[in-house]
């Protein structure tokens, strides 16, 4: 049994930039996304802009970032409720299965409760079975199918 970690969960800070960039590049690599420092810098800029909808939590232990949870608020007209949407969850490989992802999602559900929201929603790749093993203990799997449409080009 691997020892659990009790990280500090806090909001991303400007001093975290170098460590966060390493983690975000690893996250993008995990999902086989094209290498792009432009995307990494754009996302960092969003998180550092207090008026942007995207926010970031990080898990830290002994001065090291072990993971992040990028999220935003959204409203659902068909249910008349508002939620927090978890866009990206990443834990460094050495910390997986040790409570870091659970702690990050726990902080988001605590935030949802404190803000009077209906809950936290997220999606993951169909083949991401390791993450789903955690998610199945924390939430109910939805029956929705996700579609991605390209913008109309004229």
C-alpha atoms as a PDB file:
ATOM      1  CA  UNK A   1       0.000   0.000   0.000  1.00  0.00           C
ATOM      2  CA  UNK A   2       1.380   3.377  -1.008  1.00  0.00           C
ATOM      3  CA  UNK A   3       1.254   6.031   1.716  1.00  0.00           C
ATOM      4  CA  UNK A   4      -1.425   8.686   1.369  1.00  0.00           C
ATOM      5  CA  UNK A   5      -0.394  12.287   0.901  1.00  0.00           C
ATOM      6  CA  UNK A   6      -2.143  15.149   2.693  1.00  0.00           C
ATOM      7  CA  UNK A   7      -1.425  18.050   0.363  1.00  0.00           C
ATOM      8  CA  UNK A   8      -2.343  21.650   0.892  1.00  0.00           C
ATOM      9  CA  UNK A   9      -4.993  22.598  -1.659  1.00  0.00           C
ATOM     10  CA  UNK A  10      -4.834  26.260  -2.591  1.00  0.00           C
ATOM     11  CA  UNK A  11      -5.305  28.615  -5.515  1.00  0.00           C
ATOM     12  CA  UNK A  12      -2.552  28.920  -8.086  1.00  0.00           C
ATOM     13  CA  UNK A  13      -0.108  31.729  -7.283  1.00  0.00           C
ATOM     14  CA  UNK A  14       2.283  33.684  -9.571  1.00  0.00           C
ATOM     15  CA  UNK A  15       5.219  32.051  -7.754  1.00  0.00           C
ATOM     16  CA  UNK A  16       3.986  28.651  -9.020  1.00  0.00           C
ATOM     17  CA  UNK A  17       4.579  29.464 -12.670  1.00  0.00           C
ATOM     18  CA  UNK A  18       7.642  27.279 -13.346  1.00  0.00           C
ATOM     19  CA  UNK A  19       6.242  24.217 -11.561  1.00  0.00           C
ATOM     20  CA  UNK A  20       2.761  24.662 -13.047  1.00  0.00           C
ATOM     21  CA  UNK A  21       4.179  24.912 -16.579  1.00  0.00           C
ATOM     22  CA  UNK A  22       5.976  21.577 -16.106  1.00  0.00           C
ATOM     23  CA  UNK A  23       2.758  19.960 -14.861  1.00  0.00           C
ATOM     24  CA  UNK A  24       0.589  21.459 -17.594  1.00  0.00           C
ATOM     25  CA  UNK A  25       2.997  20.306 -20.312  1.00  0.00           C
ATOM     26  CA  UNK A  26       2.881  16.790 -18.812  1.00  0.00           C
ATOM     27  CA  UNK A  27      -0.927  16.919 -18.760  1.00  0.00           C
ATOM     28  CA  UNK A  28      -1.035  17.918 -22.410  1.00  0.00           C
ATOM     29  CA  UNK A  29       1.452  15.182 -23.268  1.00  0.00           C
ATOM     30  CA  UNK A  30      -0.688  12.598 -21.417  1.00  0.00           C
ATOM     31  CA  UNK A  31      -3.611  13.516 -23.682  1.00  0.00           C
ATOM     32  CA  UNK A  32      -1.320  13.460 -26.745  1.00  0.00           C
ATOM     33  CA  UNK A  33      -1.887  17.126 -27.525  1.00  0.00           C
ATOM     34  CA  UNK A  34       0.507  18.950 -29.798  1.00  0.00           C
ATOM     35  CA  UNK A  35       3.339  20.719 -27.978  1.00  0.00           C
ATOM     36  CA  UNK A  36       2.486  24.422 -27.820  1.00  0.00           C
ATOM     37  CA  UNK A  37       4.109  26.991 -25.578  1.00  0.00           C
ATOM     38  CA  UNK A  38       1.547  29.450 -26.933  1.00  0.00           C
ATOM     39  CA  UNK A  39      -1.269  27.384 -25.384  1.00  0.00           C
ATOM     40  CA  UNK A  40       0.650  26.947 -22.121  1.00  0.00           C
ATOM     41  CA  UNK A  41       1.274  30.704 -21.895  1.00  0.00           C
ATOM     42  CA  UNK A  42      -2.303  31.566 -22.845  1.00  0.00           C
ATOM     43  CA  UNK A  43      -3.685  29.283 -20.115  1.00  0.00           C
ATOM     44  CA  UNK A  44      -1.244  30.739 -17.565  1.00  0.00           C
ATOM     45  CA  UNK A  45      -2.426  34.221 -18.516  1.00  0.00           C
ATOM     46  CA  UNK A  46      -6.037  33.209 -17.991  1.00  0.00           C
ATOM     47  CA  UNK A  47      -5.290  31.888 -14.509  1.00  0.00           C
ATOM     48  CA  UNK A  48      -3.399  35.035 -13.568  1.00  0.00           C
ATOM     49  CA  UNK A  49      -6.226  37.308 -14.775  1.00  0.00           C
ATOM     50  CA  UNK A  50      -8.640  37.703 -11.827  1.00  0.00           C
ATOM     51  CA  UNK A  51     -11.527  38.543 -14.188  1.00  0.00           C
ATOM     52  CA  UNK A  52     -11.128  35.481 -16.431  1.00  0.00           C
ATOM     53  CA  UNK A  53     -13.628  32.638 -15.945  1.00  0.00           C
ATOM     54  CA  UNK A  54     -10.923  29.957 -15.654  1.00  0.00           C
ATOM     55  CA  UNK A  55      -9.433  29.370 -12.205  1.00  0.00           C
ATOM     56  CA  UNK A  56      -6.867  26.889 -10.896  1.00  0.00           C
ATOM     57  CA  UNK A  57      -6.323  25.011  -7.668  1.00  0.00           C
ATOM     58  CA  UNK A  58      -3.040  23.281  -6.939  1.00  0.00           C
ATOM     59  CA  UNK A  59      -2.040  20.509  -4.554  1.00  0.00           C
ATOM     60  CA  UNK A  60       1.227  21.218  -2.780  1.00  0.00           C
ATOM     61  CA  UNK A  61       3.341  19.182  -0.367  1.00  0.00           C
ATOM     62  CA  UNK A  62       6.769  20.180   0.918  1.00  0.00           C
ATOM     63  CA  UNK A  63       6.990  23.075  -1.545  1.00  0.00           C
ATOM     64  CA  UNK A  64       6.311  20.860  -4.571  1.00  0.00           C
ATOM     65  CA  UNK A  65       3.220  21.054  -6.771  1.00  0.00           C
ATOM     66  CA  UNK A  66       1.755  17.564  -7.081  1.00  0.00           C
ATOM     67  CA  UNK A  67      -1.272  18.381  -9.189  1.00  0.00           C
ATOM     68  CA  UNK A  68      -3.844  20.889 -10.362  1.00  0.00           C
ATOM     69  CA  UNK A  69      -7.568  21.300 -10.940  1.00  0.00           C
ATOM     70  CA  UNK A  70      -8.519  23.865 -13.582  1.00  0.00           C
ATOM     71  CA  UNK A  71     -12.156  24.867 -13.225  1.00  0.00           C
ATOM     72  CA  UNK A  72     -14.858  27.429 -13.991  1.00  0.00           C
ATOM     73  CA  UNK A  73     -18.422  28.178 -12.991  1.00  0.00           C
ATOM     74  CA  UNK A  74     -21.346  27.584 -15.344  1.00  0.00           C
ATOM     75  CA  UNK A  75     -25.123  27.683 -15.293  1.00  0.00           C
ATOM     76  CA  UNK A  76     -27.438  25.055 -16.753  1.00  0.00           C
ATOM     77  CA  UNK A  77     -30.699  26.555 -18.029  1.00  0.00           C
ATOM     78  CA  UNK A  78     -32.409  23.185 -18.468  1.00  0.00           C
ATOM     79  CA  UNK A  79     -32.034  22.374 -14.764  1.00  0.00           C
ATOM     80  CA  UNK A  80     -32.025  25.944 -13.498  1.00  0.00           C
ATOM     81  CA  UNK A  81     -28.848  25.241 -11.535  1.00  0.00           C
ATOM     82  CA  UNK A  82     -25.255  26.404 -11.490  1.00  0.00           C
ATOM     83  CA  UNK A  83     -22.185  24.222 -11.085  1.00  0.00           C
ATOM     84  CA  UNK A  84     -18.411  24.168 -11.096  1.00  0.00           C
ATOM     85  CA  UNK A  85     -16.951  22.505 -14.178  1.00  0.00           C
ATOM     86  CA  UNK A  86     -13.643  20.710 -13.717  1.00  0.00           C
ATOM     87  CA  UNK A  87     -11.825  21.221 -17.016  1.00  0.00           C
ATOM     88  CA  UNK A  88      -8.476  19.606 -16.220  1.00  0.00           C
ATOM     89  CA  UNK A  89      -7.304  17.414 -13.351  1.00  0.00           C
ATOM     90  CA  UNK A  90      -3.700  16.267 -13.228  1.00  0.00           C
ATOM     91  CA  UNK A  91      -1.560  14.567 -10.607  1.00  0.00           C
ATOM     92  CA  UNK A  92       2.134  13.816 -11.038  1.00  0.00           C
ATOM     93  CA  UNK A  93       2.625  10.086 -11.677  1.00  0.00           C
ATOM     94  CA  UNK A  94       4.510   9.521  -8.388  1.00  0.00           C
ATOM     95  CA  UNK A  95       1.511  10.851  -6.419  1.00  0.00           C
ATOM     96  CA  UNK A  96      -1.255   8.968  -8.241  1.00  0.00           C
ATOM     97  CA  UNK A  97      -3.396   6.763  -6.060  1.00  0.00           C
ATOM     98  CA  UNK A  98      -2.219   8.613  -2.954  1.00  0.00           C
ATOM     99  CA  UNK A  99      -5.131  10.998  -2.387  1.00  0.00           C
ATOM    100  CA  UNK A 100      -4.066  14.082  -4.356  1.00  0.00           C
ATOM    101  CA  UNK A 101      -6.802  13.923  -7.016  1.00  0.00           C
ATOM    102  CA  UNK A 102      -9.364  13.109  -4.326  1.00  0.00           C
ATOM    103  CA  UNK A 103      -8.223  16.157  -2.312  1.00  0.00           C
ATOM    104  CA  UNK A 104      -8.479  18.467  -5.332  1.00  0.00           C
ATOM    105  CA  UNK A 105     -11.986  17.273  -6.217  1.00  0.00           C
ATOM    106  CA  UNK A 106     -12.939  17.452  -2.541  1.00  0.00           C
ATOM    107  CA  UNK A 107     -11.961  21.109  -2.449  1.00  0.00           C
ATOM    108  CA  UNK A 108     -14.098  21.766  -5.537  1.00  0.00           C
ATOM    109  CA  UNK A 109     -17.124  20.047  -3.977  1.00  0.00           C
ATOM    110  CA  UNK A 110     -16.566  22.056  -0.793  1.00  0.00           C
ATOM    111  CA  UNK A 111     -16.474  25.235  -2.892  1.00  0.00           C
ATOM    112  CA  UNK A 112     -19.680  24.205  -4.699  1.00  0.00           C
ATOM    113  CA  UNK A 113     -21.420  23.684  -1.348  1.00  0.00           C
ATOM    114  CA  UNK A 114     -20.178  27.010   0.051  1.00  0.00           C
ATOM    115  CA  UNK A 115     -21.374  28.833  -3.084  1.00  0.00           C
ATOM    116  CA  UNK A 116     -24.784  27.133  -3.129  1.00  0.00           C
ATOM    117  CA  UNK A 117     -24.095  25.360  -6.426  1.00  0.00           C
ATOM    118  CA  UNK A 118     -25.684  22.085  -7.513  1.00  0.00           C
ATOM    119  CA  UNK A 119     -22.357  20.290  -7.800  1.00  0.00           C
ATOM    120  CA  UNK A 120     -19.173  19.694  -9.763  1.00  0.00           C
ATOM    121  CA  UNK A 121     -19.157  18.173 -13.233  1.00  0.00           C
ATOM    122  CA  UNK A 122     -16.341  16.901 -15.440  1.00  0.00           C
ATOM    123  CA  UNK A 123     -15.559  14.533 -18.273  1.00  0.00           C
ATOM    124  CA  UNK A 124     -12.610  12.313 -19.014  1.00  0.00           C
ATOM    125  CA  UNK A 125     -11.292  10.251 -21.880  1.00  0.00           C
ATOM    126  CA  UNK A 126     -13.140   6.967 -22.310  1.00  0.00           C
ATOM    127  CA  UNK A 127      -9.870   5.037 -21.971  1.00  0.00           C
ATOM    128  CA  UNK A 128      -8.637   6.852 -18.851  1.00  0.00           C
ATOM    129  CA  UNK A 129      -9.478   3.916 -16.583  1.00  0.00           C
ATOM    130  CA  UNK A 130      -7.106   4.915 -13.767  1.00  0.00           C
ATOM    131  CA  UNK A 131      -8.860   8.263 -13.352  1.00  0.00           C
ATOM    132  CA  UNK A 132     -12.277   6.638 -13.680  1.00  0.00           C
ATOM    133  CA  UNK A 133     -11.450   4.294 -10.789  1.00  0.00           C
ATOM    134  CA  UNK A 134     -11.195   7.400  -8.589  1.00  0.00           C
ATOM    135  CA  UNK A 135     -14.129   9.228 -10.185  1.00  0.00           C
ATOM    136  CA  UNK A 136     -16.442   6.253  -9.650  1.00  0.00           C
ATOM    137  CA  UNK A 137     -15.890   6.626  -5.885  1.00  0.00           C
ATOM    138  CA  UNK A 138     -16.648  10.360  -5.900  1.00  0.00           C
ATOM    139  CA  UNK A 139     -19.475  10.955  -8.356  1.00  0.00           C
ATOM    140  CA  UNK A 140     -22.205   9.410 -10.451  1.00  0.00           C
ATOM    141  CA  UNK A 141     -21.238   8.664 -14.035  1.00  0.00           C
ATOM    142  CA  UNK A 142     -23.487  10.649 -16.390  1.00  0.00           C
ATOM    143  CA  UNK A 143     -25.238   9.133 -19.378  1.00  0.00           C
ATOM    144  CA  UNK A 144     -24.493  12.068 -21.688  1.00  0.00           C
ATOM    145  CA  UNK A 145     -22.490  11.791 -24.904  1.00  0.00           C
ATOM    146  CA  UNK A 146     -20.149  14.683 -25.720  1.00  0.00           C
ATOM    147  CA  UNK A 147     -19.860  16.223 -29.208  1.00  0.00           C
ATOM    148  CA  UNK A 148     -17.288  18.723 -30.502  1.00  0.00           C
ATOM    149  CA  UNK A 149     -18.250  20.905 -33.483  1.00  0.00           C
ATOM    150  CA  UNK A 150     -15.799  22.992 -35.471  1.00  0.00           C
ATOM    151  CA  UNK A 151     -16.678  26.680 -35.968  1.00  0.00           C
ATOM    152  CA  UNK A 152     -18.285  27.594 -39.282  1.00  0.00           C
ATOM    153  CA  UNK A 153     -15.658  28.755 -41.767  1.00  0.00           C
ATOM    154  CA  UNK A 154     -16.803  31.265 -44.386  1.00  0.00           C
END
